Amino acid sequence: MTQISTERKTAYYLGTGIALLGLLLFLSVFVTAALNFGNFDHFEAQVRSFGLRAFGGIVLLFVGSAIRNVGARGLAGSGVLLDPEQAREDLKPFSHMTGGMISDTLDKANLGKHLGVGARPDRVVMLKCRECGFHNEENSKFCQECGSEV
């Protein structure tokens, strides 16, 4: 199974930290405004401070989210690099995880066998070609051996 690299884990946690810092900076504007409600001393300086903290908080929130996304999905998986093969490789741990979770859920609910997930059918229907006698799968429209209509 493919493991996520240490660099990607570091980028993920660093991005999460930056995004949280941005959120706290943005929310501090509202807390400060509520605590200083009705106080108009140094009004222009307060408004400038509010604006800079709010804008800086939003910028940090977006930058942190972008870094977190790249850390979680890799450069190609997050769309920074346009390489479908590398994207598939970057997202492989999550694809395997999702399939495993679905399989575990179906097994717990005893639905895997009933839905035919992961199990081979008891009976296999094969269609015999009228021309050459080759046995084809049941959904075949044409013979896999000679090409004539089944």
Protein backbone atom coordinates (compact mmCIF):
# COMPACT_ATOMS: atom_id res chain seq x y z
CA MET A 1 0.00 0.00 0.00
CA THR A 2 1.25 3.48 -0.82
CA GLN A 3 2.20 5.62 2.14
CA ILE A 4 1.98 9.42 2.30
CA SER A 5 5.45 11.00 2.40
CA THR A 6 6.75 12.93 5.39
CA GLU A 7 6.97 16.11 3.28
CA ARG A 8 3.28 15.90 2.41
CA LYS A 9 2.34 15.28 6.04
CA THR A 10 4.42 18.28 7.09
CA ALA A 11 2.78 20.47 4.44
CA TYR A 12 -0.66 19.28 5.55
CA TYR A 13 -0.11 20.13 9.21
CA LEU A 14 1.69 23.39 8.41
CA GLY A 15 -1.21 24.44 6.15
CA THR A 16 -3.70 23.55 8.86
CA GLY A 17 -1.78 25.68 11.37
CA ILE A 18 -1.59 28.66 8.99
CA ALA A 19 -5.31 28.39 8.21
CA LEU A 20 -6.19 28.27 11.91
CA LEU A 21 -3.97 31.28 12.58
CA GLY A 22 -5.76 33.16 9.78
CA LEU A 23 -9.15 32.22 11.19
CA LEU A 24 -8.17 33.42 14.67
CA LEU A 25 -6.80 36.67 13.25
CA PHE A 26 -10.03 37.23 11.31
CA LEU A 27 -12.24 36.45 14.32
CA SER A 28 -10.17 38.71 16.56
CA VAL A 29 -11.58 41.68 14.64
CA PHE A 30 -15.09 40.88 15.84
CA VAL A 31 -14.00 40.23 19.43
CA THR A 32 -12.06 43.50 19.57
CA ALA A 33 -14.94 45.41 18.00
CA ALA A 34 -17.37 43.97 20.55
CA LEU A 35 -15.08 44.80 23.47
CA ASN A 36 -14.56 48.39 22.24
CA PHE A 37 -18.17 49.02 21.29
CA GLY A 38 -19.00 52.71 21.68
CA ASN A 39 -15.37 53.75 22.17
CA PHE A 40 -14.46 56.23 19.42
CA ASP A 41 -11.01 57.16 20.69
CA HIS A 42 -8.46 56.75 17.88
CA PHE A 43 -11.26 55.67 15.55
CA GLU A 44 -9.23 55.83 12.33
CA ALA A 45 -6.41 53.75 13.81
CA GLN A 46 -8.90 51.16 15.06
CA VAL A 47 -10.59 50.89 11.66
CA ARG A 48 -7.21 50.56 9.92
CA SER A 49 -6.20 47.85 12.41
CA PHE A 50 -9.51 46.02 11.91
CA GLY A 51 -9.16 46.14 8.15
CA LEU A 52 -5.57 44.90 8.13
CA ARG A 53 -6.30 42.06 10.57
CA ALA A 54 -9.40 40.99 8.67
CA PHE A 55 -7.64 41.08 5.28
CA GLY A 56 -4.51 39.37 6.68
CA GLY A 57 -6.64 36.71 8.34
CA ILE A 58 -8.48 35.93 5.11
CA VAL A 59 -5.20 35.76 3.15
CA LEU A 60 -3.67 33.40 5.73
CA LEU A 61 -6.83 31.29 5.67
CA PHE A 62 -6.66 30.87 1.89
CA VAL A 63 -2.88 30.28 1.80
CA GLY A 64 -3.10 27.73 4.63
CA SER A 65 -5.97 25.93 2.92
CA ALA A 66 -4.01 25.74 -0.35
CA ILE A 67 -0.92 24.36 1.39
CA ARG A 68 -3.09 21.88 3.29
CA ASN A 69 -4.74 20.75 0.05
CA VAL A 70 -1.37 20.18 -1.64
CA GLY A 71 -0.15 18.29 1.43
CA ALA A 72 -3.20 16.06 1.48
CA ARG A 73 -3.42 15.32 -2.24
CA GLY A 74 0.10 15.99 -3.56
CA LEU A 75 1.03 18.45 -6.30
CA ALA A 76 -0.61 16.52 -9.13
CA GLY A 77 -3.58 15.28 -7.07
CA SER A 78 -4.46 18.83 -6.05
CA GLY A 79 -4.25 20.13 -9.62
CA VAL A 80 -1.03 22.16 -9.31
CA LEU A 81 0.72 19.84 -11.79
CA LEU A 82 -1.30 18.58 -14.74
CA ASP A 83 -0.08 15.00 -14.79
CA PRO A 84 -2.90 12.43 -14.66
CA GLU A 85 -0.57 9.49 -13.96
CA GLN A 86 1.09 11.29 -11.04
CA ALA A 87 -2.33 12.46 -9.79
CA ARG A 88 -3.52 8.85 -9.74
CA GLU A 89 -0.40 7.91 -7.77
CA ASP A 90 -0.82 10.85 -5.35
CA LEU A 91 -4.44 9.94 -4.64
CA LYS A 92 -3.88 6.17 -4.39
CA PRO A 93 -3.87 6.04 -0.55
CA PHE A 94 -7.26 7.74 -0.44
CA SER A 95 -8.70 5.55 -3.21
CA HIS A 96 -7.65 2.40 -1.37
CA MET A 97 -8.96 3.79 1.90
CA THR A 98 -12.38 4.62 0.40
CA GLY A 99 -12.73 1.19 -1.20
CA GLY A 100 -11.72 -0.49 2.05
CA MET A 101 -14.23 1.53 4.05
CA ILE A 102 -17.05 0.63 1.67
CA SER A 103 -16.06 -3.04 1.76
CA ASP A 104 -15.90 -3.01 5.57
CA THR A 105 -19.32 -1.38 5.79
CA LEU A 106 -20.89 -3.93 3.45
CA ASP A 107 -19.28 -6.79 5.40
CA LYS A 108 -20.59 -5.41 8.73
CA ALA A 109 -24.11 -5.14 7.30
CA ASN A 110 -23.80 -8.60 5.69
CA LEU A 111 -24.64 -7.05 2.34
CA GLY A 112 -21.45 -7.88 0.43
CA LYS A 113 -22.65 -11.36 -0.60
CA HIS A 114 -26.20 -10.21 -1.38
CA LEU A 115 -25.02 -7.38 -3.64
CA GLY A 116 -22.37 -9.50 -5.32
CA VAL A 117 -19.54 -7.30 -4.10
CA GLY A 118 -16.23 -9.12 -3.89
CA ALA A 119 -17.84 -12.50 -4.50
CA ARG A 120 -17.94 -14.56 -7.65
CA PRO A 121 -21.42 -15.51 -8.84
CA ASP A 122 -22.51 -19.10 -8.25
CA ARG A 123 -23.58 -19.56 -11.85
CA VAL A 124 -21.85 -18.26 -14.94
CA VAL A 125 -23.92 -18.02 -18.12
CA MET A 126 -22.01 -18.52 -21.34
CA LEU A 127 -23.42 -18.11 -24.83
CA LYS A 128 -22.28 -20.58 -27.48
CA CYS A 129 -21.50 -19.08 -30.89
CA ARG A 130 -23.63 -20.61 -33.69
CA GLU A 131 -20.77 -20.30 -36.17
CA CYS A 132 -17.66 -21.59 -34.37
CA GLY A 133 -18.99 -22.97 -31.06
CA PHE A 134 -16.85 -20.67 -28.85
CA HIS A 135 -18.30 -19.95 -25.39
CA ASN A 136 -18.77 -16.19 -24.88
CA GLU A 137 -19.78 -14.17 -21.82
CA GLU A 138 -23.52 -13.61 -21.45
CA ASN A 139 -23.42 -9.90 -22.33
CA SER A 140 -21.48 -10.44 -25.57
CA LYS A 141 -23.17 -9.27 -28.75
CA PHE A 142 -20.46 -10.66 -31.01
CA CYS A 143 -18.31 -13.76 -30.73
CA GLN A 144 -14.93 -13.10 -29.15
CA GLU A 145 -13.37 -15.77 -31.40
CA CYS A 146 -14.83 -15.31 -34.92
CA GLY A 147 -16.66 -11.96 -34.62
CA SER A 148 -20.07 -13.17 -35.80
CA GLU A 149 -23.24 -12.11 -34.03
CA VAL A 150 -24.06 -14.30 -31.02
